[in-house]
Amino acid sequence: MIETPQRQRARPRLPPSPIFLSIGTNDLVQYTLGLDREQPAASAATAADPIVLQLIAQVVAAAHAAGTTVEVCGEAAGEAEVAALLVGLDVDELSVAPARLDEVREVVRLLSMPDAADR
């Protein structure tokens, strides 16, 4: 589980071939951007911050190079626009709250990989 910037930097010390990695965006956003999760500025949309997206992209690239699947959980995966960005970063799976599933599914189905990557 990758939930903090420190854990992302520790990736090389993970087992050689985990079956999958999960990125927890709630804590990752909070710790990376120094936000209080109780404040409005700590919304799921802040996962679209370039610094957070860069961390996610690094995890995905390293995991895929090792043949490992990457899943994103947390509120960000349930935000349609952020989910589109995550698909563009080549995230394999999104863990979405049931109440947001239809909206996210609709957005993701309409994406092509080139369109998602351009986001």
PDB file of N, CA and C in Angstrom:
ATOM      1  N   MET A   1       0.858  -1.172   0.000  1.00  0.00           N
ATOM      2  CA  MET A   1       0.000   0.000   0.000  1.00  0.00           C
ATOM      3  C   MET A   1       0.898   1.227   0.000  1.00  0.00           C
ATOM      4  N   ILE A   2       0.717   2.081  -0.977  1.00  0.00           N
ATOM      5  CA  ILE A   2       1.473   3.321  -1.081  1.00  0.00           C
ATOM      6  C   ILE A   2       0.538   4.447  -0.648  1.00  0.00           C
ATOM      7  N   GLU A   3       0.799   5.035   0.513  1.00  0.00           N
ATOM      8  CA  GLU A   3      -0.068   6.090   1.039  1.00  0.00           C
ATOM      9  C   GLU A   3       0.681   7.354   1.422  1.00  0.00           C
ATOM     10  N   THR A   4       1.984   7.303   1.402  1.00  0.00           N
ATOM     11  CA  THR A   4       2.768   8.475   1.780  1.00  0.00           C
ATOM     12  C   THR A   4       3.902   8.666   0.785  1.00  0.00           C
ATOM     13  N   PRO A   5       4.402   9.894   0.653  1.00  0.00           N
ATOM     14  CA  PRO A   5       5.550  10.104  -0.235  1.00  0.00           C
ATOM     15  C   PRO A   5       6.748   9.248   0.182  1.00  0.00           C
ATOM     16  N   GLN A   6       6.950   9.081   1.481  1.00  0.00           N
ATOM     17  CA  GLN A   6       8.060   8.263   1.967  1.00  0.00           C
ATOM     18  C   GLN A   6       7.926   6.819   1.502  1.00  0.00           C
ATOM     19  N   ARG A   7       6.727   6.296   1.528  1.00  0.00           N
ATOM     20  CA  ARG A   7       6.503   4.906   1.087  1.00  0.00           C
ATOM     21  C   ARG A   7       6.767   4.784  -0.405  1.00  0.00           C
ATOM     22  N   GLN A   8       6.413   5.814  -1.170  1.00  0.00           N
ATOM     23  CA  GLN A   8       6.678   5.796  -2.604  1.00  0.00           C
ATOM     24  C   GLN A   8       8.181   5.745  -2.848  1.00  0.00           C
ATOM     25  N   ARG A   9       8.951   6.504  -2.075  1.00  0.00           N
ATOM     26  CA  ARG A   9      10.409   6.503  -2.230  1.00  0.00           C
ATOM     27  C   ARG A   9      11.008   5.173  -1.788  1.00  0.00           C
ATOM     28  N   ALA A  10      10.319   4.434  -0.952  1.00  0.00           N
ATOM     29  CA  ALA A  10      10.810   3.149  -0.457  1.00  0.00           C
ATOM     30  C   ALA A  10      10.458   1.993  -1.392  1.00  0.00           C
ATOM     31  N   ARG A  11       9.793   2.288  -2.488  1.00  0.00           N
ATOM     32  CA  ARG A  11       9.374   1.255  -3.435  1.00  0.00           C
ATOM     33  C   ARG A  11      10.450   0.238  -3.770  1.00  0.00           C
ATOM     34  N   PRO A  12      11.709   0.664  -3.990  1.00  0.00           N
ATOM     35  CA  PRO A  12      12.718  -0.348  -4.338  1.00  0.00           C
ATOM     36  C   PRO A  12      12.918  -1.414  -3.263  1.00  0.00           C
ATOM     37  N   ARG A  13      12.515  -1.124  -2.043  1.00  0.00           N
ATOM     38  CA  ARG A  13      12.675  -2.106  -0.970  1.00  0.00           C
ATOM     39  C   ARG A  13      11.448  -3.008  -0.817  1.00  0.00           C
ATOM     40  N   LEU A  14      10.487  -2.876  -1.694  1.00  0.00           N
ATOM     41  CA  LEU A  14       9.323  -3.763  -1.660  1.00  0.00           C
ATOM     42  C   LEU A  14       9.736  -5.158  -2.123  1.00  0.00           C
ATOM     43  N   PRO A  15       8.939  -6.155  -1.824  1.00  0.00           N
ATOM     44  CA  PRO A  15       9.245  -7.485  -2.336  1.00  0.00           C
ATOM     45  C   PRO A  15       9.427  -7.416  -3.858  1.00  0.00           C
ATOM     46  N   PRO A  16      10.269  -8.267  -4.414  1.00  0.00           N
ATOM     47  CA  PRO A  16      10.618  -8.156  -5.827  1.00  0.00           C
ATOM     48  C   PRO A  16       9.426  -8.153  -6.788  1.00  0.00           C
ATOM     49  N   SER A  17       8.440  -8.961  -6.557  1.00  0.00           N
ATOM     50  CA  SER A  17       7.312  -9.041  -7.480  1.00  0.00           C
ATOM     51  C   SER A  17       5.996  -9.169  -6.740  1.00  0.00           C
ATOM     52  N   PRO A  18       5.543  -8.091  -6.081  1.00  0.00           N
ATOM     53  CA  PRO A  18       4.228  -8.205  -5.451  1.00  0.00           C
ATOM     54  C   PRO A  18       3.168  -8.408  -6.536  1.00  0.00           C
ATOM     55  N   ILE A  19       2.087  -9.037  -6.183  1.00  0.00           N
ATOM     56  CA  ILE A  19       1.022  -9.286  -7.148  1.00  0.00           C
ATOM     57  C   ILE A  19       0.376  -7.977  -7.576  1.00  0.00           C
ATOM     58  N   PHE A  20       0.174  -7.076  -6.626  1.00  0.00           N
ATOM     59  CA  PHE A  20      -0.384  -5.776  -6.963  1.00  0.00           C
ATOM     60  C   PHE A  20       0.054  -4.758  -5.923  1.00  0.00           C
ATOM     61  N   LEU A  21      -0.026  -3.493  -6.318  1.00  0.00           N
ATOM     62  CA  LEU A  21       0.185  -2.385  -5.395  1.00  0.00           C
ATOM     63  C   LEU A  21      -1.093  -1.575  -5.360  1.00  0.00           C
ATOM     64  N   SER A  22      -1.402  -1.055  -4.211  1.00  0.00           N
ATOM     65  CA  SER A  22      -2.556  -0.185  -4.052  1.00  0.00           C
ATOM     66  C   SER A  22      -2.052   1.190  -3.619  1.00  0.00           C
ATOM     67  N   ILE A  23      -2.539   2.215  -4.285  1.00  0.00           N
ATOM     68  CA  ILE A  23      -2.185   3.589  -3.934  1.00  0.00           C
ATOM     69  C   ILE A  23      -3.390   4.198  -3.236  1.00  0.00           C
ATOM     70  N   GLY A  24      -3.215   4.569  -1.982  1.00  0.00           N
ATOM     71  CA  GLY A  24      -4.286   5.194  -1.195  1.00  0.00           C
ATOM     72  C   GLY A  24      -4.202   6.708  -1.339  1.00  0.00           C
ATOM     73  N   THR A  25      -5.087   7.257  -2.141  1.00  0.00           N
ATOM     74  CA  THR A  25      -4.981   8.685  -2.458  1.00  0.00           C
ATOM     75  C   THR A  25      -5.344   9.612  -1.308  1.00  0.00           C
ATOM     76  N   ASN A  26      -6.211   9.203  -0.409  1.00  0.00           N
ATOM     77  CA  ASN A  26      -6.595  10.108   0.681  1.00  0.00           C
ATOM     78  C   ASN A  26      -5.368  10.525   1.487  1.00  0.00           C
ATOM     79  N   ASP A  27      -4.618   9.546   1.963  1.00  0.00           N
ATOM     80  CA  ASP A  27      -3.429   9.865   2.756  1.00  0.00           C
ATOM     81  C   ASP A  27      -2.308  10.420   1.888  1.00  0.00           C
ATOM     82  N   LEU A  28      -2.153   9.897   0.682  1.00  0.00           N
ATOM     83  CA  LEU A  28      -1.090  10.386  -0.196  1.00  0.00           C
ATOM     84  C   LEU A  28      -1.254  11.881  -0.462  1.00  0.00           C
ATOM     85  N   VAL A  29      -2.465  12.317  -0.747  1.00  0.00           N
ATOM     86  CA  VAL A  29      -2.724  13.745  -0.974  1.00  0.00           C
ATOM     87  C   VAL A  29      -2.443  14.539   0.295  1.00  0.00           C
ATOM     88  N   GLN A  30      -2.943  14.053   1.404  1.00  0.00           N
ATOM     89  CA  GLN A  30      -2.774  14.762   2.676  1.00  0.00           C
ATOM     90  C   GLN A  30      -1.297  14.966   3.003  1.00  0.00           C
ATOM     91  N   TYR A  31      -0.521  13.900   2.949  1.00  0.00           N
ATOM     92  CA  TYR A  31       0.884  13.990   3.340  1.00  0.00           C
ATOM     93  C   TYR A  31       1.733  14.705   2.292  1.00  0.00           C
ATOM     94  N   THR A  32       1.437  14.507   1.023  1.00  0.00           N
ATOM     95  CA  THR A  32       2.230  15.133  -0.031  1.00  0.00           C
ATOM     96  C   THR A  32       2.037  16.641  -0.058  1.00  0.00           C
ATOM     97  N   LEU A  33       0.796  17.081   0.104  1.00  0.00           N
ATOM     98  CA  LEU A  33       0.492  18.507  -0.001  1.00  0.00           C
ATOM     99  C   LEU A  33       0.399  19.203   1.352  1.00  0.00           C
ATOM    100  N   GLY A  34       0.571  18.453   2.432  1.00  0.00           N
ATOM    101  CA  GLY A  34       0.519  19.041   3.768  1.00  0.00           C
ATOM    102  C   GLY A  34      -0.846  19.598   4.111  1.00  0.00           C
ATOM    103  N   LEU A  35      -1.888  18.846   3.783  1.00  0.00           N
ATOM    104  CA  LEU A  35      -3.258  19.299   4.005  1.00  0.00           C
ATOM    105  C   LEU A  35      -3.901  18.580   5.180  1.00  0.00           C
ATOM    106  N   ASP A  36      -4.821  19.259   5.817  1.00  0.00           N
ATOM    107  CA  ASP A  36      -5.651  18.668   6.853  1.00  0.00           C
ATOM    108  C   ASP A  36      -6.862  18.054   6.154  1.00  0.00           C
ATOM    109  N   ARG A  37      -7.059  16.754   6.281  1.00  0.00           N
ATOM    110  CA  ARG A  37      -8.157  16.084   5.576  1.00  0.00           C
ATOM    111  C   ARG A  37      -9.527  16.606   5.972  1.00  0.00           C
ATOM    112  N   GLU A  38      -9.606  17.268   7.096  1.00  0.00           N
ATOM    113  CA  GLU A  38     -10.895  17.792   7.553  1.00  0.00           C
ATOM    114  C   GLU A  38     -11.248  19.124   6.892  1.00  0.00           C
ATOM    115  N   GLN A  39     -10.299  19.728   6.205  1.00  0.00           N
ATOM    116  CA  GLN A  39     -10.531  21.024   5.569  1.00  0.00           C
ATOM    117  C   GLN A  39     -10.997  20.828   4.125  1.00  0.00           C
ATOM    118  N   PRO A  40     -11.809  21.760   3.613  1.00  0.00           N
ATOM    119  CA  PRO A  40     -12.311  21.629   2.238  1.00  0.00           C
ATOM    120  C   PRO A  40     -11.207  21.534   1.183  1.00  0.00           C
ATOM    121  N   ALA A  41     -10.059  22.151   1.416  1.00  0.00           N
ATOM    122  CA  ALA A  41      -8.975  22.122   0.428  1.00  0.00           C
ATOM    123  C   ALA A  41      -8.432  20.706   0.227  1.00  0.00           C
ATOM    124  N   ALA A  42      -8.725  19.812   1.133  1.00  0.00           N
ATOM    125  CA  ALA A  42      -8.224  18.437   1.041  1.00  0.00           C
ATOM    126  C   ALA A  42      -9.223  17.529   0.326  1.00  0.00           C
ATOM    127  N   SER A  43      -9.927  18.042  -0.647  1.00  0.00           N
ATOM    128  CA  SER A  43     -10.923  17.253  -1.372  1.00  0.00           C
ATOM    129  C   SER A  43     -10.247  16.257  -2.295  1.00  0.00           C
ATOM    130  N   ALA A  44     -11.025  15.338  -2.795  1.00  0.00           N
ATOM    131  CA  ALA A  44     -10.484  14.326  -3.705  1.00  0.00           C
ATOM    132  C   ALA A  44      -9.885  14.958  -4.947  1.00  0.00           C
ATOM    133  N   ALA A  45     -10.407  16.093  -5.365  1.00  0.00           N
ATOM    134  CA  ALA A  45      -9.900  16.749  -6.572  1.00  0.00           C
ATOM    135  C   ALA A  45      -8.448  17.190  -6.418  1.00  0.00           C
ATOM    136  N   THR A  46      -7.955  17.367  -5.181  1.00  0.00           N
ATOM    137  CA  THR A  46      -6.562  17.758  -5.008  1.00  0.00           C
ATOM    138  C   THR A  46      -5.621  16.629  -5.420  1.00  0.00           C
ATOM    139  N   ALA A  47      -6.148  15.449  -5.643  1.00  0.00           N
ATOM    140  CA  ALA A  47      -5.321  14.353  -6.163  1.00  0.00           C
ATOM    141  C   ALA A  47      -4.866  14.663  -7.584  1.00  0.00           C
ATOM    142  N   ALA A  48      -5.480  15.633  -8.222  1.00  0.00           N
ATOM    143  CA  ALA A  48      -5.077  16.045  -9.567  1.00  0.00           C
ATOM    144  C   ALA A  48      -3.912  17.024  -9.533  1.00  0.00           C
ATOM    145  N   ASP A  49      -3.411  17.341  -8.359  1.00  0.00           N
ATOM    146  CA  ASP A  49      -2.245  18.213  -8.250  1.00  0.00           C
ATOM    147  C   ASP A  49      -1.075  17.538  -8.978  1.00  0.00           C
ATOM    148  N   PRO A  50      -0.313  18.298  -9.763  1.00  0.00           N
ATOM    149  CA  PRO A  50       0.788  17.699 -10.525  1.00  0.00           C
ATOM    150  C   PRO A  50       1.788  16.914  -9.676  1.00  0.00           C
ATOM    151  N   ILE A  51       2.040  17.350  -8.456  1.00  0.00           N
ATOM    152  CA  ILE A  51       2.988  16.625  -7.596  1.00  0.00           C
ATOM    153  C   ILE A  51       2.438  15.242  -7.244  1.00  0.00           C
ATOM    154  N   VAL A  52       1.165  15.178  -6.927  1.00  0.00           N
ATOM    155  CA  VAL A  52       0.534  13.895  -6.591  1.00  0.00           C
ATOM    156  C   VAL A  52       0.505  12.995  -7.818  1.00  0.00           C
ATOM    157  N   LEU A  53       0.133  13.553  -8.961  1.00  0.00           N
ATOM    158  CA  LEU A  53       0.081  12.755 -10.188  1.00  0.00           C
ATOM    159  C   LEU A  53       1.465  12.228 -10.566  1.00  0.00           C
ATOM    160  N   GLN A  54       2.489  13.022 -10.326  1.00  0.00           N
ATOM    161  CA  GLN A  54       3.849  12.573 -10.617  1.00  0.00           C
ATOM    162  C   GLN A  54       4.226  11.373  -9.735  1.00  0.00           C
ATOM    163  N   LEU A  55       3.875  11.434  -8.464  1.00  0.00           N
ATOM    164  CA  LEU A  55       4.144  10.296  -7.570  1.00  0.00           C
ATOM    165  C   LEU A  55       3.415   9.042  -8.048  1.00  0.00           C
ATOM    166  N   ILE A  56       2.160   9.218  -8.428  1.00  0.00           N
ATOM    167  CA  ILE A  56       1.376   8.081  -8.914  1.00  0.00           C
ATOM    168  C   ILE A  56       1.997   7.518 -10.189  1.00  0.00           C
ATOM    169  N   ALA A  57       2.394   8.395 -11.104  1.00  0.00           N
ATOM    170  CA  ALA A  57       3.004   7.959 -12.360  1.00  0.00           C
ATOM    171  C   ALA A  57       4.295   7.177 -12.107  1.00  0.00           C
ATOM    172  N   GLN A  58       5.077   7.608 -11.138  1.00  0.00           N
ATOM    173  CA  GLN A  58       6.322   6.905 -10.806  1.00  0.00           C
ATOM    174  C   GLN A  58       6.036   5.503 -10.275  1.00  0.00           C
ATOM    175  N   VAL A  59       5.040   5.404  -9.417  1.00  0.00           N
ATOM    176  CA  VAL A  59       4.676   4.085  -8.874  1.00  0.00           C
ATOM    177  C   VAL A  59       4.191   3.178  -9.999  1.00  0.00           C
ATOM    178  N   VAL A  60       3.330   3.695 -10.858  1.00  0.00           N
ATOM    179  CA  VAL A  60       2.781   2.892 -11.956  1.00  0.00           C
ATOM    180  C   VAL A  60       3.902   2.409 -12.882  1.00  0.00           C
ATOM    181  N   ALA A  61       4.795   3.302 -13.271  1.00  0.00           N
ATOM    182  CA  ALA A  61       5.888   2.929 -14.185  1.00  0.00           C
ATOM    183  C   ALA A  61       6.764   1.842 -13.571  1.00  0.00           C
ATOM    184  N   ALA A  62       7.145   2.009 -12.316  1.00  0.00           N
ATOM    185  CA  ALA A  62       8.003   1.021 -11.655  1.00  0.00           C
ATOM    186  C   ALA A  62       7.270  -0.308 -11.484  1.00  0.00           C
ATOM    187  N   ALA A  63       6.019  -0.238 -11.095  1.00  0.00           N
ATOM    188  CA  ALA A  63       5.247  -1.468 -10.896  1.00  0.00           C
ATOM    189  C   ALA A  63       5.072  -2.221 -12.209  1.00  0.00           C
ATOM    190  N   HIS A  64       4.707  -1.510 -13.254  1.00  0.00           N
ATOM    191  CA  HIS A  64       4.503  -2.170 -14.540  1.00  0.00           C
ATOM    192  C   HIS A  64       5.805  -2.762 -15.072  1.00  0.00           C
ATOM    193  N   ALA A  65       6.925  -2.089 -14.833  1.00  0.00           N
ATOM    194  CA  ALA A  65       8.220  -2.625 -15.252  1.00  0.00           C
ATOM    195  C   ALA A  65       8.511  -3.955 -14.557  1.00  0.00           C
ATOM    196  N   ALA A  66       7.964  -4.121 -13.366  1.00  0.00           N
ATOM    197  CA  ALA A  66       8.148  -5.362 -12.605  1.00  0.00           C
ATOM    198  C   ALA A  66       7.004  -6.357 -12.830  1.00  0.00           C
ATOM    199  N   GLY A  67       6.065  -5.999 -13.717  1.00  0.00           N
ATOM    200  CA  GLY A  67       4.940  -6.885 -13.987  1.00  0.00           C
ATOM    201  C   GLY A  67       3.873  -6.873 -12.912  1.00  0.00           C
ATOM    202  N   THR A  68       3.789  -5.764 -12.166  1.00  0.00           N
ATOM    203  CA  THR A  68       2.855  -5.659 -11.052  1.00  0.00           C
ATOM    204  C   THR A  68       1.679  -4.757 -11.427  1.00  0.00           C
ATOM    205  N   THR A  69       0.494  -5.153 -11.044  1.00  0.00           N
ATOM    206  CA  THR A  69      -0.732  -4.390 -11.261  1.00  0.00           C
ATOM    207  C   THR A  69      -0.833  -3.277 -10.223  1.00  0.00           C
ATOM    208  N   VAL A  70      -1.387  -2.124 -10.631  1.00  0.00           N
ATOM    209  CA  VAL A  70      -1.566  -0.998  -9.716  1.00  0.00           C
ATOM    210  C   VAL A  70      -3.044  -0.633  -9.641  1.00  0.00           C
ATOM    211  N   GLU A  71      -3.525  -0.541  -8.411  1.00  0.00           N
ATOM    212  CA  GLU A  71      -4.906  -0.142  -8.134  1.00  0.00           C
ATOM    213  C   GLU A  71      -4.856   1.152  -7.347  1.00  0.00           C
ATOM    214  N   VAL A  72      -5.823   2.039  -7.597  1.00  0.00           N
ATOM    215  CA  VAL A  72      -5.936   3.270  -6.823  1.00  0.00           C
ATOM    216  C   VAL A  72      -7.235   3.217  -6.042  1.00  0.00           C
ATOM    217  N   CYS A  73      -7.121   3.471  -4.740  1.00  0.00           N
ATOM    218  CA  CYS A  73      -8.297   3.548  -3.892  1.00  0.00           C
ATOM    219  C   CYS A  73      -8.319   4.924  -3.239  1.00  0.00           C
ATOM    220  N   GLY A  74      -9.393   5.233  -2.591  1.00  0.00           N
ATOM    221  CA  GLY A  74      -9.545   6.546  -1.980  1.00  0.00           C
ATOM    222  C   GLY A  74     -10.575   7.353  -2.754  1.00  0.00           C
ATOM    223  N   GLU A  75     -10.897   8.492  -2.225  1.00  0.00           N
ATOM    224  CA  GLU A  75     -11.933   9.323  -2.824  1.00  0.00           C
ATOM    225  C   GLU A  75     -11.604   9.759  -4.252  1.00  0.00           C
ATOM    226  N   ALA A  76     -10.328   9.931  -4.556  1.00  0.00           N
ATOM    227  CA  ALA A  76      -9.932  10.411  -5.885  1.00  0.00           C
ATOM    228  C   ALA A  76     -10.398   9.475  -6.994  1.00  0.00           C
ATOM    229  N   ALA A  77     -10.372   8.176  -6.756  1.00  0.00           N
ATOM    230  CA  ALA A  77     -10.797   7.231  -7.779  1.00  0.00           C
ATOM    231  C   ALA A  77     -12.273   7.393  -8.125  1.00  0.00           C
ATOM    232  N   GLY A  78     -13.038   7.945  -7.215  1.00  0.00           N
ATOM    233  CA  GLY A  78     -14.462   8.161  -7.442  1.00  0.00           C
ATOM    234  C   GLY A  78     -14.811   9.505  -8.041  1.00  0.00           C
ATOM    235  N   GLU A  79     -13.834  10.358  -8.266  1.00  0.00           N
ATOM    236  CA  GLU A  79     -14.044  11.641  -8.941  1.00  0.00           C
ATOM    237  C   GLU A  79     -13.824  11.412 -10.428  1.00  0.00           C
ATOM    238  N   ALA A  80     -14.856  11.598 -11.229  1.00  0.00           N
ATOM    239  CA  ALA A  80     -14.794  11.248 -12.655  1.00  0.00           C
ATOM    240  C   ALA A  80     -13.597  11.867 -13.369  1.00  0.00           C
ATOM    241  N   GLU A  81     -13.354  13.145 -13.173  1.00  0.00           N
ATOM    242  CA  GLU A  81     -12.241  13.803 -13.862  1.00  0.00           C
ATOM    243  C   GLU A  81     -10.896  13.273 -13.401  1.00  0.00           C
ATOM    244  N   VAL A  82     -10.766  13.022 -12.115  1.00  0.00           N
ATOM    245  CA  VAL A  82      -9.514  12.475 -11.591  1.00  0.00           C
ATOM    246  C   VAL A  82      -9.354  11.032 -12.072  1.00  0.00           C
ATOM    247  N   ALA A  83     -10.429  10.285 -12.103  1.00  0.00           N
ATOM    248  CA  ALA A  83     -10.371   8.909 -12.599  1.00  0.00           C
ATOM    249  C   ALA A  83      -9.865   8.883 -14.035  1.00  0.00           C
ATOM    250  N   ALA A  84     -10.292   9.845 -14.850  1.00  0.00           N
ATOM    251  CA  ALA A  84      -9.810   9.925 -16.232  1.00  0.00           C
ATOM    252  C   ALA A  84      -8.303  10.164 -16.262  1.00  0.00           C
ATOM    253  N   LEU A  85      -7.802  11.012 -15.370  1.00  0.00           N
ATOM    254  CA  LEU A  85      -6.354  11.250 -15.282  1.00  0.00           C
ATOM    255  C   LEU A  85      -5.629   9.970 -14.885  1.00  0.00           C
ATOM    256  N   LEU A  86      -6.197   9.247 -13.937  1.00  0.00           N
ATOM    257  CA  LEU A  86      -5.571   8.006 -13.474  1.00  0.00           C
ATOM    258  C   LEU A  86      -5.515   6.968 -14.586  1.00  0.00           C
ATOM    259  N   VAL A  87      -6.563   6.879 -15.376  1.00  0.00           N
ATOM    260  CA  VAL A  87      -6.552   5.976 -16.529  1.00  0.00           C
ATOM    261  C   VAL A  87      -5.441   6.405 -17.492  1.00  0.00           C
ATOM    262  N   GLY A  88      -5.291   7.714 -17.682  1.00  0.00           N
ATOM    263  CA  GLY A  88      -4.228   8.225 -18.545  1.00  0.00           C
ATOM    264  C   GLY A  88      -2.841   7.916 -18.031  1.00  0.00           C
ATOM    265  N   LEU A  89      -2.712   7.735 -16.723  1.00  0.00           N
ATOM    266  CA  LEU A  89      -1.432   7.365 -16.121  1.00  0.00           C
ATOM    267  C   LEU A  89      -1.202   5.857 -16.167  1.00  0.00           C
ATOM    268  N   ASP A  90      -2.150   5.138 -16.774  1.00  0.00           N
ATOM    269  CA  ASP A  90      -2.061   3.691 -16.964  1.00  0.00           C
ATOM    270  C   ASP A  90      -2.306   2.890 -15.687  1.00  0.00           C
ATOM    271  N   VAL A  91      -3.067   3.477 -14.752  1.00  0.00           N
ATOM    272  CA  VAL A  91      -3.485   2.733 -13.554  1.00  0.00           C
ATOM    273  C   VAL A  91      -4.377   1.589 -14.027  1.00  0.00           C
ATOM    274  N   ASP A  92      -4.179   0.416 -13.450  1.00  0.00           N
ATOM    275  CA  ASP A  92      -4.896  -0.776 -13.898  1.00  0.00           C
ATOM    276  C   ASP A  92      -6.317  -0.889 -13.356  1.00  0.00           C
ATOM    277  N   GLU A  93      -6.507  -0.492 -12.097  1.00  0.00           N
ATOM    278  CA  GLU A  93      -7.818  -0.651 -11.460  1.00  0.00           C
ATOM    279  C   GLU A  93      -8.132   0.560 -10.596  1.00  0.00           C
ATOM    280  N   LEU A  94      -9.415   0.876 -10.515  1.00  0.00           N
ATOM    281  CA  LEU A  94      -9.894   1.948  -9.644  1.00  0.00           C
ATOM    282  C   LEU A  94     -10.865   1.343  -8.647  1.00  0.00           C
ATOM    283  N   SER A  95     -10.683   1.649  -7.377  1.00  0.00           N
ATOM    284  CA  SER A  95     -11.604   1.208  -6.342  1.00  0.00           C
ATOM    285  C   SER A  95     -12.539   2.378  -6.057  1.00  0.00           C
ATOM    286  N   VAL A  96     -13.789   2.233  -6.419  1.00  0.00           N
ATOM    287  CA  VAL A  96     -14.749   3.330  -6.405  1.00  0.00           C
ATOM    288  C   VAL A  96     -15.922   3.000  -5.485  1.00  0.00           C
ATOM    289  N   ALA A  97     -16.345   3.988  -4.717  1.00  0.00           N
ATOM    290  CA  ALA A  97     -17.519   3.813  -3.861  1.00  0.00           C
ATOM    291  C   ALA A  97     -18.741   3.509  -4.732  1.00  0.00           C
ATOM    292  N   PRO A  98     -19.617   2.626  -4.297  1.00  0.00           N
ATOM    293  CA  PRO A  98     -20.779   2.253  -5.102  1.00  0.00           C
ATOM    294  C   PRO A  98     -21.611   3.449  -5.587  1.00  0.00           C
ATOM    295  N   ALA A  99     -21.737   4.482  -4.783  1.00  0.00           N
ATOM    296  CA  ALA A  99     -22.545   5.642  -5.170  1.00  0.00           C
ATOM    297  C   ALA A  99     -21.962   6.390  -6.368  1.00  0.00           C
ATOM    298  N   ARG A 100     -20.688   6.236  -6.637  1.00  0.00           N
ATOM    299  CA  ARG A 100     -20.028   6.948  -7.743  1.00  0.00           C
ATOM    300  C   ARG A 100     -19.683   6.044  -8.915  1.00  0.00           C
ATOM    301  N   LEU A 101     -19.955   4.787  -8.779  1.00  0.00           N
ATOM    302  CA  LEU A 101     -19.538   3.814  -9.775  1.00  0.00           C
ATOM    303  C   LEU A 101     -20.096   4.111 -11.167  1.00  0.00           C
ATOM    304  N   ASP A 102     -21.381   4.392 -11.277  1.00  0.00           N
ATOM    305  CA  ASP A 102     -21.984   4.626 -12.590  1.00  0.00           C
ATOM    306  C   ASP A 102     -21.359   5.824 -13.291  1.00  0.00           C
ATOM    307  N   GLU A 103     -21.149   6.916 -12.557  1.00  0.00           N
ATOM    308  CA  GLU A 103     -20.560   8.116 -13.153  1.00  0.00           C
ATOM    309  C   GLU A 103     -19.128   7.850 -13.633  1.00  0.00           C
ATOM    310  N   VAL A 104     -18.334   7.218 -12.799  1.00  0.00           N
ATOM    311  CA  VAL A 104     -16.944   6.931 -13.169  1.00  0.00           C
ATOM    312  C   VAL A 104     -16.904   5.939 -14.322  1.00  0.00           C
ATOM    313  N   ARG A 105     -17.721   4.919 -14.260  1.00  0.00           N
ATOM    314  CA  ARG A 105     -17.768   3.929 -15.341  1.00  0.00           C
ATOM    315  C   ARG A 105     -18.097   4.598 -16.676  1.00  0.00           C
ATOM    316  N   GLU A 106     -19.059   5.518 -16.673  1.00  0.00           N
ATOM    317  CA  GLU A 106     -19.450   6.207 -17.906  1.00  0.00           C
ATOM    318  C   GLU A 106     -18.284   7.020 -18.474  1.00  0.00           C
ATOM    319  N   VAL A 107     -17.590   7.752 -17.620  1.00  0.00           N
ATOM    320  CA  VAL A 107     -16.459   8.571 -18.078  1.00  0.00           C
ATOM    321  C   VAL A 107     -15.343   7.691 -18.624  1.00  0.00           C
ATOM    322  N   VAL A 108     -15.016   6.635 -17.907  1.00  0.00           N
ATOM    323  CA  VAL A 108     -13.921   5.758 -18.318  1.00  0.00           C
ATOM    324  C   VAL A 108     -14.253   5.050 -19.627  1.00  0.00           C
ATOM    325  N   ARG A 109     -15.470   4.624 -19.789  1.00  0.00           N
ATOM    326  CA  ARG A 109     -15.863   3.933 -21.029  1.00  0.00           C
ATOM    327  C   ARG A 109     -15.751   4.835 -22.250  1.00  0.00           C
ATOM    328  N   LEU A 110     -15.932   6.136 -22.068  1.00  0.00           N
ATOM    329  CA  LEU A 110     -15.868   7.075 -23.182  1.00  0.00           C
ATOM    330  C   LEU A 110     -14.433   7.476 -23.556  1.00  0.00           C
ATOM    331  N   LEU A 111     -13.484   7.099 -22.726  1.00  0.00           N
ATOM    332  CA  LEU A 111     -12.095   7.476 -22.969  1.00  0.00           C
ATOM    333  C   LEU A 111     -11.410   6.522 -23.935  1.00  0.00           C
ATOM    334  N   SER A 112     -10.546   7.087 -24.729  1.00  0.00           N
ATOM    335  CA  SER A 112      -9.586   6.255 -25.458  1.00  0.00           C
ATOM    336  C   SER A 112      -8.259   6.457 -24.719  1.00  0.00           C
ATOM    337  N   MET A 113      -7.357   5.513 -24.806  1.00  0.00           N
ATOM    338  CA  MET A 113      -6.070   5.675 -24.110  1.00  0.00           C
ATOM    339  C   MET A 113      -5.328   6.926 -24.572  1.00  0.00           C
ATOM    340  N   PRO A 114      -5.291   7.238 -25.878  1.00  0.00           N
ATOM    341  CA  PRO A 114      -4.610   8.483 -26.275  1.00  0.00           C
ATOM    342  C   PRO A 114      -5.259   9.734 -25.652  1.00  0.00           C
ATOM    343  N   ASP A 115      -6.603   9.748 -25.591  1.00  0.00           N
ATOM    344  CA  ASP A 115      -7.302  10.897 -24.972  1.00  0.00           C
ATOM    345  C   ASP A 115      -6.974  10.984 -23.480  1.00  0.00           C
ATOM    346  N   ALA A 116      -6.998   9.841 -22.811  1.00  0.00           N
ATOM    347  CA  ALA A 116      -6.719   9.825 -21.369  1.00  0.00           C
ATOM    348  C   ALA A 116      -5.281  10.261 -21.097  1.00  0.00           C
ATOM    349  N   ALA A 117      -4.348   9.789 -21.918  1.00  0.00           N
ATOM    350  CA  ALA A 117      -2.943  10.158 -21.728  1.00  0.00           C
ATOM    351  C   ALA A 117      -2.707  11.645 -21.958  1.00  0.00           C
ATOM    352  N   ASP A 118      -3.505  12.253 -22.847  1.00  0.00           N
ATOM    353  CA  ASP A 118      -3.376  13.693 -23.123  1.00  0.00           C
ATOM    354  C   ASP A 118      -3.857  14.558 -21.982  1.00  0.00           C
ATOM    355  N   ARG A 119      -4.682  13.997 -21.109  1.00  0.00           N
ATOM    356  CA  ARG A 119      -5.217  14.795 -20.004  1.00  0.00           C
ATOM    357  C   ARG A 119      -4.097  15.163 -19.097  1.00  0.00           C
TER     358      ARG A 119
END
